Amino acid sequence: MTIQQAQQQVDGWIKTVGVRYFSELTNLAILTEEVGELARIMARKYGDQSFKESDTDKIMADEMADILWVLLCLANQTGVDLTEALEKNFEKKTIRDADRHQQNEKLKPPTPKGE
């Protein structure tokens, strides 16, 4: 599925099953909530926090899909073509960061001891 197809499928679902889009501000609040749910899982899986009983049924991929869903809704509501936006973003980053990351000492692999 392409990003464009995903935008179209979400739009079709919203207009049939979902009845209508929530307001843009409501969707922004929902997006923030979904990012928080992903952060909670990440903090427990990769960070120092332990899982609570209420967290054990949470699936990281599902939370990421929830984020994508709401982002697609917001794009549809505001007339953003996410395919075009992502392509432009790649161009921007490629120009801006052409040498930046290659020269970042923090990103270089550690030198093995004894070398």
PDB file of N, CA and C in Angstrom:
ATOM      1  N   MET A   1       0.847  -1.180   0.000  1.00  0.00           N
ATOM      2  CA  MET A   1       0.000   0.000   0.000  1.00  0.00           C
ATOM      3  C   MET A   1       0.893   1.245   0.000  1.00  0.00           C
ATOM      4  N   THR A   2       0.602   2.174  -0.875  1.00  0.00           N
ATOM      5  CA  THR A   2       1.347   3.430  -0.908  1.00  0.00           C
ATOM      6  C   THR A   2       0.766   4.392   0.128  1.00  0.00           C
ATOM      7  N   ILE A   3       1.488   5.453   0.375  1.00  0.00           N
ATOM      8  CA  ILE A   3       0.975   6.474   1.302  1.00  0.00           C
ATOM      9  C   ILE A   3      -0.304   7.079   0.734  1.00  0.00           C
ATOM     10  N   GLN A   4      -0.314   7.334  -0.569  1.00  0.00           N
ATOM     11  CA  GLN A   4      -1.513   7.898  -1.212  1.00  0.00           C
ATOM     12  C   GLN A   4      -2.706   6.957  -1.054  1.00  0.00           C
ATOM     13  N   GLN A   5      -2.477   5.666  -1.252  1.00  0.00           N
ATOM     14  CA  GLN A   5      -3.561   4.697  -1.077  1.00  0.00           C
ATOM     15  C   GLN A   5      -4.036   4.663   0.369  1.00  0.00           C
ATOM     16  N   ALA A   6      -3.102   4.777   1.290  1.00  0.00           N
ATOM     17  CA  ALA A   6      -3.471   4.797   2.708  1.00  0.00           C
ATOM     18  C   ALA A   6      -4.333   6.017   3.017  1.00  0.00           C
ATOM     19  N   GLN A   7      -3.952   7.176   2.484  1.00  0.00           N
ATOM     20  CA  GLN A   7      -4.764   8.378   2.696  1.00  0.00           C
ATOM     21  C   GLN A   7      -6.172   8.176   2.141  1.00  0.00           C
ATOM     22  N   GLN A   8      -6.263   7.575   0.955  1.00  0.00           N
ATOM     23  CA  GLN A   8      -7.570   7.345   0.333  1.00  0.00           C
ATOM     24  C   GLN A   8      -8.398   6.339   1.139  1.00  0.00           C
ATOM     25  N   GLN A   9      -7.748   5.275   1.613  1.00  0.00           N
ATOM     26  CA  GLN A   9      -8.486   4.259   2.374  1.00  0.00           C
ATOM     27  C   GLN A   9      -9.001   4.818   3.697  1.00  0.00           C
ATOM     28  N   VAL A  10      -8.176   5.604   4.372  1.00  0.00           N
ATOM     29  CA  VAL A  10      -8.612   6.229   5.616  1.00  0.00           C
ATOM     30  C   VAL A  10      -9.794   7.155   5.338  1.00  0.00           C
ATOM     31  N   ASP A  11      -9.696   7.932   4.266  1.00  0.00           N
ATOM     32  CA  ASP A  11     -10.783   8.852   3.916  1.00  0.00           C
ATOM     33  C   ASP A  11     -12.079   8.082   3.655  1.00  0.00           C
ATOM     34  N   GLY A  12     -11.977   6.990   2.912  1.00  0.00           N
ATOM     35  CA  GLY A  12     -13.161   6.182   2.644  1.00  0.00           C
ATOM     36  C   GLY A  12     -13.753   5.591   3.914  1.00  0.00           C
ATOM     37  N   TRP A  13     -12.907   5.116   4.805  1.00  0.00           N
ATOM     38  CA  TRP A  13     -13.374   4.531   6.062  1.00  0.00           C
ATOM     39  C   TRP A  13     -14.060   5.590   6.916  1.00  0.00           C
ATOM     40  N   ILE A  14     -13.422   6.748   7.021  1.00  0.00           N
ATOM     41  CA  ILE A  14     -13.985   7.835   7.838  1.00  0.00           C
ATOM     42  C   ILE A  14     -15.369   8.220   7.322  1.00  0.00           C
ATOM     43  N   LYS A  15     -15.524   8.305   6.014  1.00  0.00           N
ATOM     44  CA  LYS A  15     -16.783   8.773   5.429  1.00  0.00           C
ATOM     45  C   LYS A  15     -17.883   7.711   5.449  1.00  0.00           C
ATOM     46  N   THR A  16     -17.545   6.479   5.754  1.00  0.00           N
ATOM     47  CA  THR A  16     -18.567   5.427   5.813  1.00  0.00           C
ATOM     48  C   THR A  16     -18.731   4.930   7.240  1.00  0.00           C
ATOM     49  N   VAL A  17     -17.745   4.243   7.732  1.00  0.00           N
ATOM     50  CA  VAL A  17     -17.815   3.673   9.082  1.00  0.00           C
ATOM     51  C   VAL A  17     -17.707   4.755  10.146  1.00  0.00           C
ATOM     52  N   GLY A  18     -16.811   5.687   9.948  1.00  0.00           N
ATOM     53  CA  GLY A  18     -16.559   6.720  10.946  1.00  0.00           C
ATOM     54  C   GLY A  18     -17.522   7.884  10.914  1.00  0.00           C
ATOM     55  N   VAL A  19     -18.376   7.959   9.947  1.00  0.00           N
ATOM     56  CA  VAL A  19     -19.385   9.011   9.742  1.00  0.00           C
ATOM     57  C   VAL A  19     -18.758  10.323   9.260  1.00  0.00           C
ATOM     58  N   ARG A  20     -17.816  10.870  10.029  1.00  0.00           N
ATOM     59  CA  ARG A  20     -17.130  12.105   9.630  1.00  0.00           C
ATOM     60  C   ARG A  20     -15.832  12.214  10.408  1.00  0.00           C
ATOM     61  N   TYR A  21     -14.966  13.106   9.957  1.00  0.00           N
ATOM     62  CA  TYR A  21     -13.717  13.368  10.671  1.00  0.00           C
ATOM     63  C   TYR A  21     -14.001  14.099  11.974  1.00  0.00           C
ATOM     64  N   PHE A  22     -13.214  13.797  13.013  1.00  0.00           N
ATOM     65  CA  PHE A  22     -13.208  14.654  14.194  1.00  0.00           C
ATOM     66  C   PHE A  22     -12.582  15.974  13.757  1.00  0.00           C
ATOM     67  N   SER A  23     -12.736  17.016  14.539  1.00  0.00           N
ATOM     68  CA  SER A  23     -12.116  18.293  14.191  1.00  0.00           C
ATOM     69  C   SER A  23     -10.596  18.137  14.178  1.00  0.00           C
ATOM     70  N   GLU A  24      -9.941  19.038  13.485  1.00  0.00           N
ATOM     71  CA  GLU A  24      -8.485  18.996  13.391  1.00  0.00           C
ATOM     72  C   GLU A  24      -7.836  19.071  14.781  1.00  0.00           C
ATOM     73  N   LEU A  25      -8.371  19.932  15.639  1.00  0.00           N
ATOM     74  CA  LEU A  25      -7.791  20.050  16.983  1.00  0.00           C
ATOM     75  C   LEU A  25      -8.018  18.789  17.807  1.00  0.00           C
ATOM     76  N   THR A  26      -9.176  18.169  17.646  1.00  0.00           N
ATOM     77  CA  THR A  26      -9.419  16.905  18.341  1.00  0.00           C
ATOM     78  C   THR A  26      -8.449  15.844  17.841  1.00  0.00           C
ATOM     79  N   ASN A  27      -8.252  15.778  16.534  1.00  0.00           N
ATOM     80  CA  ASN A  27      -7.307  14.795  15.990  1.00  0.00           C
ATOM     81  C   ASN A  27      -5.877  15.081  16.433  1.00  0.00           C
ATOM     82  N   LEU A  28      -5.518  16.343  16.584  1.00  0.00           N
ATOM     83  CA  LEU A  28      -4.184  16.659  17.091  1.00  0.00           C
ATOM     84  C   LEU A  28      -4.041  16.159  18.525  1.00  0.00           C
ATOM     85  N   ALA A  29      -5.075  16.338  19.330  1.00  0.00           N
ATOM     86  CA  ALA A  29      -5.043  15.831  20.708  1.00  0.00           C
ATOM     87  C   ALA A  29      -4.956  14.307  20.723  1.00  0.00           C
ATOM     88  N   ILE A  30      -5.695  13.656  19.830  1.00  0.00           N
ATOM     89  CA  ILE A  30      -5.651  12.193  19.738  1.00  0.00           C
ATOM     90  C   ILE A  30      -4.255  11.738  19.308  1.00  0.00           C
ATOM     91  N   LEU A  31      -3.644  12.451  18.347  1.00  0.00           N
ATOM     92  CA  LEU A  31      -2.293  12.115  17.897  1.00  0.00           C
ATOM     93  C   LEU A  31      -1.313  12.186  19.069  1.00  0.00           C
ATOM     94  N   THR A  32      -1.433  13.227  19.861  1.00  0.00           N
ATOM     95  CA  THR A  32      -0.564  13.384  21.033  1.00  0.00           C
ATOM     96  C   THR A  32      -0.770  12.233  22.013  1.00  0.00           C
ATOM     97  N   GLU A  33      -2.008  11.857  22.214  1.00  0.00           N
ATOM     98  CA  GLU A  33      -2.332  10.735  23.097  1.00  0.00           C
ATOM     99  C   GLU A  33      -1.712   9.435  22.577  1.00  0.00           C
ATOM    100  N   GLU A  34      -1.838   9.197  21.288  1.00  0.00           N
ATOM    101  CA  GLU A  34      -1.288   7.972  20.700  1.00  0.00           C
ATOM    102  C   GLU A  34       0.235   7.935  20.791  1.00  0.00           C
ATOM    103  N   VAL A  35       0.880   9.079  20.584  1.00  0.00           N
ATOM    104  CA  VAL A  35       2.339   9.140  20.723  1.00  0.00           C
ATOM    105  C   VAL A  35       2.723   8.832  22.173  1.00  0.00           C
ATOM    106  N   GLY A  36       1.937   9.320  23.110  1.00  0.00           N
ATOM    107  CA  GLY A  36       2.182   9.021  24.519  1.00  0.00           C
ATOM    108  C   GLY A  36       2.067   7.530  24.813  1.00  0.00           C
ATOM    109  N   GLU A  37       1.098   6.867  24.186  1.00  0.00           N
ATOM    110  CA  GLU A  37       0.933   5.428  24.388  1.00  0.00           C
ATOM    111  C   GLU A  37       2.142   4.661  23.837  1.00  0.00           C
ATOM    112  N   LEU A  38       2.663   5.099  22.688  1.00  0.00           N
ATOM    113  CA  LEU A  38       3.866   4.478  22.145  1.00  0.00           C
ATOM    114  C   LEU A  38       5.055   4.741  23.073  1.00  0.00           C
ATOM    115  N   ALA A  39       5.166   5.958  23.566  1.00  0.00           N
ATOM    116  CA  ALA A  39       6.266   6.308  24.463  1.00  0.00           C
ATOM    117  C   ALA A  39       6.230   5.445  25.726  1.00  0.00           C
ATOM    118  N   ARG A  40       5.053   5.171  26.215  1.00  0.00           N
ATOM    119  CA  ARG A  40       4.904   4.331  27.410  1.00  0.00           C
ATOM    120  C   ARG A  40       5.474   2.935  27.165  1.00  0.00           C
ATOM    121  N   ILE A  41       5.131   2.354  26.018  1.00  0.00           N
ATOM    122  CA  ILE A  41       5.646   1.021  25.676  1.00  0.00           C
ATOM    123  C   ILE A  41       7.162   1.064  25.497  1.00  0.00           C
ATOM    124  N   MET A  42       7.648   2.067  24.774  1.00  0.00           N
ATOM    125  CA  MET A  42       9.082   2.184  24.517  1.00  0.00           C
ATOM    126  C   MET A  42       9.863   2.353  25.820  1.00  0.00           C
ATOM    127  N   ALA A  43       9.332   3.147  26.743  1.00  0.00           N
ATOM    128  CA  ALA A  43      10.011   3.375  28.025  1.00  0.00           C
ATOM    129  C   ALA A  43      10.114   2.088  28.833  1.00  0.00           C
ATOM    130  N   ARG A  44       9.119   1.220  28.676  1.00  0.00           N
ATOM    131  CA  ARG A  44       9.130  -0.033  29.418  1.00  0.00           C
ATOM    132  C   ARG A  44       9.955  -1.113  28.719  1.00  0.00           C
ATOM    133  N   LYS A  45       9.898  -1.128  27.399  1.00  0.00           N
ATOM    134  CA  LYS A  45      10.625  -2.163  26.656  1.00  0.00           C
ATOM    135  C   LYS A  45      12.112  -1.841  26.516  1.00  0.00           C
ATOM    136  N   TYR A  46      12.439  -0.578  26.228  1.00  0.00           N
ATOM    137  CA  TYR A  46      13.821  -0.202  25.962  1.00  0.00           C
ATOM    138  C   TYR A  46      14.430   0.693  27.038  1.00  0.00           C
ATOM    139  N   GLY A  47      13.582   1.225  27.898  1.00  0.00           N
ATOM    140  CA  GLY A  47      14.063   2.116  28.947  1.00  0.00           C
ATOM    141  C   GLY A  47      14.162   1.403  30.276  1.00  0.00           C
ATOM    142  N   ASP A  48      14.147   2.178  31.326  1.00  0.00           N
ATOM    143  CA  ASP A  48      14.377   1.654  32.663  1.00  0.00           C
ATOM    144  C   ASP A  48      13.111   1.300  33.427  1.00  0.00           C
ATOM    145  N   GLN A  49      11.956   1.650  32.890  1.00  0.00           N
ATOM    146  CA  GLN A  49      10.712   1.347  33.596  1.00  0.00           C
ATOM    147  C   GLN A  49      10.308  -0.104  33.369  1.00  0.00           C
ATOM    148  N   SER A  50       9.610  -0.643  34.351  1.00  0.00           N
ATOM    149  CA  SER A  50       9.105  -2.009  34.217  1.00  0.00           C
ATOM    150  C   SER A  50       7.646  -1.955  33.761  1.00  0.00           C
ATOM    151  N   PHE A  51       7.215  -3.045  33.155  1.00  0.00           N
ATOM    152  CA  PHE A  51       5.827  -3.132  32.699  1.00  0.00           C
ATOM    153  C   PHE A  51       4.894  -3.271  33.886  1.00  0.00           C
ATOM    154  N   LYS A  52       3.756  -2.599  33.778  1.00  0.00           N
ATOM    155  CA  LYS A  52       2.680  -2.782  34.741  1.00  0.00           C
ATOM    156  C   LYS A  52       1.725  -3.810  34.160  1.00  0.00           C
ATOM    157  N   GLU A  53       0.905  -4.383  34.989  1.00  0.00           N
ATOM    158  CA  GLU A  53      -0.068  -5.371  34.521  1.00  0.00           C
ATOM    159  C   GLU A  53      -0.924  -4.793  33.392  1.00  0.00           C
ATOM    160  N   SER A  54      -1.303  -3.519  33.508  1.00  0.00           N
ATOM    161  CA  SER A  54      -2.169  -2.879  32.505  1.00  0.00           C
ATOM    162  C   SER A  54      -1.454  -2.642  31.171  1.00  0.00           C
ATOM    163  N   ASP A  55      -0.132  -2.767  31.143  1.00  0.00           N
ATOM    164  CA  ASP A  55       0.642  -2.532  29.929  1.00  0.00           C
ATOM    165  C   ASP A  55       0.885  -3.806  29.119  1.00  0.00           C
ATOM    166  N   THR A  56       0.647  -4.951  29.702  1.00  0.00           N
ATOM    167  CA  THR A  56       1.071  -6.202  29.077  1.00  0.00           C
ATOM    168  C   THR A  56       0.327  -6.518  27.782  1.00  0.00           C
ATOM    169  N   ASP A  57      -0.860  -5.962  27.597  1.00  0.00           N
ATOM    170  CA  ASP A  57      -1.616  -6.253  26.372  1.00  0.00           C
ATOM    171  C   ASP A  57      -1.362  -5.231  25.259  1.00  0.00           C
ATOM    172  N   LYS A  58      -0.499  -4.263  25.511  1.00  0.00           N
ATOM    173  CA  LYS A  58      -0.214  -3.224  24.525  1.00  0.00           C
ATOM    174  C   LYS A  58       0.791  -3.732  23.496  1.00  0.00           C
ATOM    175  N   ILE A  59       0.519  -3.448  22.230  1.00  0.00           N
ATOM    176  CA  ILE A  59       1.378  -3.907  21.141  1.00  0.00           C
ATOM    177  C   ILE A  59       1.970  -2.682  20.446  1.00  0.00           C
ATOM    178  N   MET A  60       3.295  -2.633  20.388  1.00  0.00           N
ATOM    179  CA  MET A  60       3.988  -1.473  19.832  1.00  0.00           C
ATOM    180  C   MET A  60       3.561  -1.194  18.386  1.00  0.00           C
ATOM    181  N   ALA A  61       3.465  -2.217  17.551  1.00  0.00           N
ATOM    182  CA  ALA A  61       3.087  -2.025  16.151  1.00  0.00           C
ATOM    183  C   ALA A  61       1.692  -1.408  16.044  1.00  0.00           C
ATOM    184  N   ASP A  62       0.785  -1.828  16.900  1.00  0.00           N
ATOM    185  CA  ASP A  62      -0.574  -1.290  16.889  1.00  0.00           C
ATOM    186  C   ASP A  62      -0.573   0.183  17.274  1.00  0.00           C
ATOM    187  N   GLU A  63       0.246   0.539  18.246  1.00  0.00           N
ATOM    188  CA  GLU A  63       0.327   1.954  18.651  1.00  0.00           C
ATOM    189  C   GLU A  63       0.921   2.797  17.523  1.00  0.00           C
ATOM    190  N   MET A  64       1.914   2.258  16.820  1.00  0.00           N
ATOM    191  CA  MET A  64       2.485   2.986  15.680  1.00  0.00           C
ATOM    192  C   MET A  64       1.445   3.152  14.575  1.00  0.00           C
ATOM    193  N   ALA A  65       0.655   2.119  14.342  1.00  0.00           N
ATOM    194  CA  ALA A  65      -0.406   2.202  13.329  1.00  0.00           C
ATOM    195  C   ALA A  65      -1.459   3.227  13.733  1.00  0.00           C
ATOM    196  N   ASP A  66      -1.764   3.308  15.028  1.00  0.00           N
ATOM    197  CA  ASP A  66      -2.710   4.327  15.503  1.00  0.00           C
ATOM    198  C   ASP A  66      -2.183   5.730  15.200  1.00  0.00           C
ATOM    199  N   ILE A  67      -0.897   5.935  15.410  1.00  0.00           N
ATOM    200  CA  ILE A  67      -0.276   7.235  15.132  1.00  0.00           C
ATOM    201  C   ILE A  67      -0.377   7.553  13.641  1.00  0.00           C
ATOM    202  N   LEU A  68      -0.037   6.567  12.816  1.00  0.00           N
ATOM    203  CA  LEU A  68      -0.108   6.761  11.366  1.00  0.00           C
ATOM    204  C   LEU A  68      -1.530   7.074  10.929  1.00  0.00           C
ATOM    205  N   TRP A  69      -2.505   6.361  11.478  1.00  0.00           N
ATOM    206  CA  TRP A  69      -3.917   6.568  11.148  1.00  0.00           C
ATOM    207  C   TRP A  69      -4.318   8.026  11.391  1.00  0.00           C
ATOM    208  N   VAL A  70      -4.011   8.530  12.579  1.00  0.00           N
ATOM    209  CA  VAL A  70      -4.420   9.897  12.915  1.00  0.00           C
ATOM    210  C   VAL A  70      -3.649  10.906  12.070  1.00  0.00           C
ATOM    211  N   LEU A  71      -2.391  10.629  11.786  1.00  0.00           N
ATOM    212  CA  LEU A  71      -1.622  11.511  10.910  1.00  0.00           C
ATOM    213  C   LEU A  71      -2.228  11.554   9.513  1.00  0.00           C
ATOM    214  N   LEU A  72      -2.651  10.407   9.006  1.00  0.00           N
ATOM    215  CA  LEU A  72      -3.319  10.356   7.705  1.00  0.00           C
ATOM    216  C   LEU A  72      -4.628  11.155   7.738  1.00  0.00           C
ATOM    217  N   CYS A  73      -5.362  11.050   8.829  1.00  0.00           N
ATOM    218  CA  CYS A  73      -6.589  11.852   8.981  1.00  0.00           C
ATOM    219  C   CYS A  73      -6.272  13.339   8.910  1.00  0.00           C
ATOM    220  N   LEU A  74      -5.274  13.764   9.671  1.00  0.00           N
ATOM    221  CA  LEU A  74      -4.911  15.183   9.678  1.00  0.00           C
ATOM    222  C   LEU A  74      -4.455  15.650   8.301  1.00  0.00           C
ATOM    223  N   ALA A  75      -3.710  14.819   7.606  1.00  0.00           N
ATOM    224  CA  ALA A  75      -3.271  15.175   6.250  1.00  0.00           C
ATOM    225  C   ALA A  75      -4.481  15.347   5.340  1.00  0.00           C
ATOM    226  N   ASN A  76      -5.410  14.409   5.411  1.00  0.00           N
ATOM    227  CA  ASN A  76      -6.617  14.513   4.584  1.00  0.00           C
ATOM    228  C   ASN A  76      -7.403  15.771   4.911  1.00  0.00           C
ATOM    229  N   GLN A  77      -7.536  16.073   6.178  1.00  0.00           N
ATOM    230  CA  GLN A  77      -8.332  17.224   6.599  1.00  0.00           C
ATOM    231  C   GLN A  77      -7.719  18.553   6.185  1.00  0.00           C
ATOM    232  N   THR A  78      -6.395  18.578   6.119  1.00  0.00           N
ATOM    233  CA  THR A  78      -5.717  19.846   5.836  1.00  0.00           C
ATOM    234  C   THR A  78      -5.203  19.945   4.406  1.00  0.00           C
ATOM    235  N   GLY A  79      -5.523  18.941   3.582  1.00  0.00           N
ATOM    236  CA  GLY A  79      -5.147  18.984   2.178  1.00  0.00           C
ATOM    237  C   GLY A  79      -3.679  18.702   1.908  1.00  0.00           C
ATOM    238  N   VAL A  80      -3.028  17.974   2.808  1.00  0.00           N
ATOM    239  CA  VAL A  80      -1.614  17.651   2.629  1.00  0.00           C
ATOM    240  C   VAL A  80      -1.488  16.310   1.917  1.00  0.00           C
ATOM    241  N   ASP A  81      -0.722  16.305   0.838  1.00  0.00           N
ATOM    242  CA  ASP A  81      -0.375  15.072   0.133  1.00  0.00           C
ATOM    243  C   ASP A  81       0.896  14.565   0.805  1.00  0.00           C
ATOM    244  N   LEU A  82       0.764  13.535   1.645  1.00  0.00           N
ATOM    245  CA  LEU A  82       1.909  13.062   2.416  1.00  0.00           C
ATOM    246  C   LEU A  82       3.005  12.459   1.550  1.00  0.00           C
ATOM    247  N   THR A  83       2.674  11.904   0.403  1.00  0.00           N
ATOM    248  CA  THR A  83       3.705  11.388  -0.504  1.00  0.00           C
ATOM    249  C   THR A  83       4.598  12.533  -0.962  1.00  0.00           C
ATOM    250  N   GLU A  84       3.980  13.585  -1.437  1.00  0.00           N
ATOM    251  CA  GLU A  84       4.720  14.768  -1.891  1.00  0.00           C
ATOM    252  C   GLU A  84       5.501  15.392  -0.736  1.00  0.00           C
ATOM    253  N   ALA A  85       4.875  15.492   0.416  1.00  0.00           N
ATOM    254  CA  ALA A  85       5.539  16.092   1.576  1.00  0.00           C
ATOM    255  C   ALA A  85       6.761  15.282   1.993  1.00  0.00           C
ATOM    256  N   LEU A  86       6.641  13.953   1.985  1.00  0.00           N
ATOM    257  CA  LEU A  86       7.765  13.106   2.366  1.00  0.00           C
ATOM    258  C   LEU A  86       8.896  13.192   1.347  1.00  0.00           C
ATOM    259  N   GLU A  87       8.549  13.233   0.065  1.00  0.00           N
ATOM    260  CA  GLU A  87       9.581  13.378  -0.970  1.00  0.00           C
ATOM    261  C   GLU A  87      10.345  14.693  -0.792  1.00  0.00           C
ATOM    262  N   LYS A  88       9.632  15.776  -0.523  1.00  0.00           N
ATOM    263  CA  LYS A  88      10.285  17.070  -0.301  1.00  0.00           C
ATOM    264  C   LYS A  88      11.134  17.040   0.966  1.00  0.00           C
ATOM    265  N   ASN A  89      10.666  16.309   1.975  1.00  0.00           N
ATOM    266  CA  ASN A  89      11.403  16.201   3.218  1.00  0.00           C
ATOM    267  C   ASN A  89      12.720  15.455   3.018  1.00  0.00           C
ATOM    268  N   PHE A  90      12.691  14.400   2.196  1.00  0.00           N
ATOM    269  CA  PHE A  90      13.929  13.682   1.861  1.00  0.00           C
ATOM    270  C   PHE A  90      14.913  14.628   1.179  1.00  0.00           C
ATOM    271  N   GLU A  91      14.428  15.418   0.221  1.00  0.00           N
ATOM    272  CA  GLU A  91      15.287  16.374  -0.483  1.00  0.00           C
ATOM    273  C   GLU A  91      15.909  17.362   0.494  1.00  0.00           C
ATOM    274  N   LYS A  92      15.085  17.909   1.378  1.00  0.00           N
ATOM    275  CA  LYS A  92      15.556  18.891   2.358  1.00  0.00           C
ATOM    276  C   LYS A  92      16.643  18.288   3.239  1.00  0.00           C
ATOM    277  N   LYS A  93      16.386  17.105   3.767  1.00  0.00           N
ATOM    278  CA  LYS A  93      17.348  16.465   4.663  1.00  0.00           C
ATOM    279  C   LYS A  93      18.632  16.077   3.930  1.00  0.00           C
ATOM    280  N   THR A  94      18.519  15.630   2.694  1.00  0.00           N
ATOM    281  CA  THR A  94      19.693  15.233   1.925  1.00  0.00           C
ATOM    282  C   THR A  94      20.612  16.424   1.688  1.00  0.00           C
ATOM    283  N   ILE A  95      20.030  17.565   1.370  1.00  0.00           N
ATOM    284  CA  ILE A  95      20.821  18.781   1.150  1.00  0.00           C
ATOM    285  C   ILE A  95      21.386  19.293   2.477  1.00  0.00           C
ATOM    286  N   ARG A  96      20.526  19.414   3.460  1.00  0.00           N
ATOM    287  CA  ARG A  96      20.923  19.994   4.751  1.00  0.00           C
ATOM    288  C   ARG A  96      21.949  19.135   5.486  1.00  0.00           C
ATOM    289  N   ASP A  97      21.770  17.827   5.419  1.00  0.00           N
ATOM    290  CA  ASP A  97      22.585  16.919   6.220  1.00  0.00           C
ATOM    291  C   ASP A  97      23.602  16.132   5.398  1.00  0.00           C
ATOM    292  N   ALA A  98      23.945  16.640   4.209  1.00  0.00           N
ATOM    293  CA  ALA A  98      24.837  15.914   3.301  1.00  0.00           C
ATOM    294  C   ALA A  98      26.110  15.443   3.997  1.00  0.00           C
ATOM    295  N   ASP A  99      26.720  16.276   4.811  1.00  0.00           N
ATOM    296  CA  ASP A  99      27.958  15.908   5.502  1.00  0.00           C
ATOM    297  C   ASP A  99      27.805  15.879   7.022  1.00  0.00           C
ATOM    298  N   ARG A 100      26.730  16.436   7.501  1.00  0.00           N
ATOM    299  CA  ARG A 100      26.559  16.640   8.943  1.00  0.00           C
ATOM    300  C   ARG A 100      26.704  15.354   9.755  1.00  0.00           C
ATOM    301  N   HIS A 101      25.989  14.310   9.377  1.00  0.00           N
ATOM    302  CA  HIS A 101      26.017  13.079  10.165  1.00  0.00           C
ATOM    303  C   HIS A 101      27.317  12.309   9.976  1.00  0.00           C
ATOM    304  N   GLN A 102      27.892  12.384   8.776  1.00  0.00           N
ATOM    305  CA  GLN A 102      29.163  11.712   8.519  1.00  0.00           C
ATOM    306  C   GLN A 102      30.285  12.295   9.384  1.00  0.00           C
ATOM    307  N   GLN A 103      30.186  13.568   9.706  1.00  0.00           N
ATOM    308  CA  GLN A 103      31.232  14.245  10.488  1.00  0.00           C
ATOM    309  C   GLN A 103      30.947  14.246  11.985  1.00  0.00           C
ATOM    310  N   ASN A 104      29.841  13.678  12.384  1.00  0.00           N
ATOM    311  CA  ASN A 104      29.458  13.667  13.804  1.00  0.00           C
ATOM    312  C   ASN A 104      30.189  12.548  14.528  1.00  0.00           C
ATOM    313  N   GLU A 105      31.124  12.919  15.382  1.00  0.00           N
ATOM    314  CA  GLU A 105      31.925  11.940  16.119  1.00  0.00           C
ATOM    315  C   GLU A 105      31.053  11.034  16.992  1.00  0.00           C
ATOM    316  N   LYS A 106      29.933  11.546  17.463  1.00  0.00           N
ATOM    317  CA  LYS A 106      29.045  10.767  18.324  1.00  0.00           C
ATOM    318  C   LYS A 106      28.389   9.599  17.592  1.00  0.00           C
ATOM    319  N   LEU A 107      28.322   9.674  16.263  1.00  0.00           N
ATOM    320  CA  LEU A 107      27.667   8.623  15.487  1.00  0.00           C
ATOM    321  C   LEU A 107      28.637   7.564  14.961  1.00  0.00           C
ATOM    322  N   LYS A 108      29.920   7.827  15.106  1.00  0.00           N
ATOM    323  CA  LYS A 108      30.910   6.862  14.606  1.00  0.00           C
ATOM    324  C   LYS A 108      30.982   5.662  15.546  1.00  0.00           C
ATOM    325  N   PRO A 109      31.152   4.468  14.973  1.00  0.00           N
ATOM    326  CA  PRO A 109      31.241   3.284  15.825  1.00  0.00           C
ATOM    327  C   PRO A 109      32.454   3.355  16.731  1.00  0.00           C
ATOM    328  N   PRO A 110      32.345   2.812  17.940  1.00  0.00           N
ATOM    329  CA  PRO A 110      33.498   2.864  18.849  1.00  0.00           C
ATOM    330  C   PRO A 110      34.664   2.052  18.293  1.00  0.00           C
ATOM    331  N   THR A 111      35.836   2.512  18.570  1.00  0.00           N
ATOM    332  CA  THR A 111      37.045   1.811  18.157  1.00  0.00           C
ATOM    333  C   THR A 111      37.272   0.652  19.118  1.00  0.00           C
ATOM    334  N   PRO A 112      37.452  -0.545  18.585  1.00  0.00           N
ATOM    335  CA  PRO A 112      37.693  -1.696  19.467  1.00  0.00           C
ATOM    336  C   PRO A 112      38.960  -1.481  20.293  1.00  0.00           C
ATOM    337  N   LYS A 113      38.935  -1.961  21.532  1.00  0.00           N
ATOM    338  CA  LYS A 113      40.098  -1.811  22.419  1.00  0.00           C
ATOM    339  C   LYS A 113      41.295  -2.541  21.818  1.00  0.00           C
ATOM    340  N   GLY A 114      42.448  -1.955  21.992  1.00  0.00           N
ATOM    341  CA  GLY A 114      43.666  -2.560  21.489  1.00  0.00           C
ATOM    342  C   GLY A 114      44.052  -2.061  20.122  1.00  0.00           C
ATOM    343  N   GLU A 115      43.272  -1.181  19.542  1.00  0.00           N
ATOM    344  CA  GLU A 115      43.643  -0.679  18.210  1.00  0.00           C
ATOM    345  C   GLU A 115      44.259   0.690  18.336  1.00  0.00           C
TER     346      GLU A 115
END
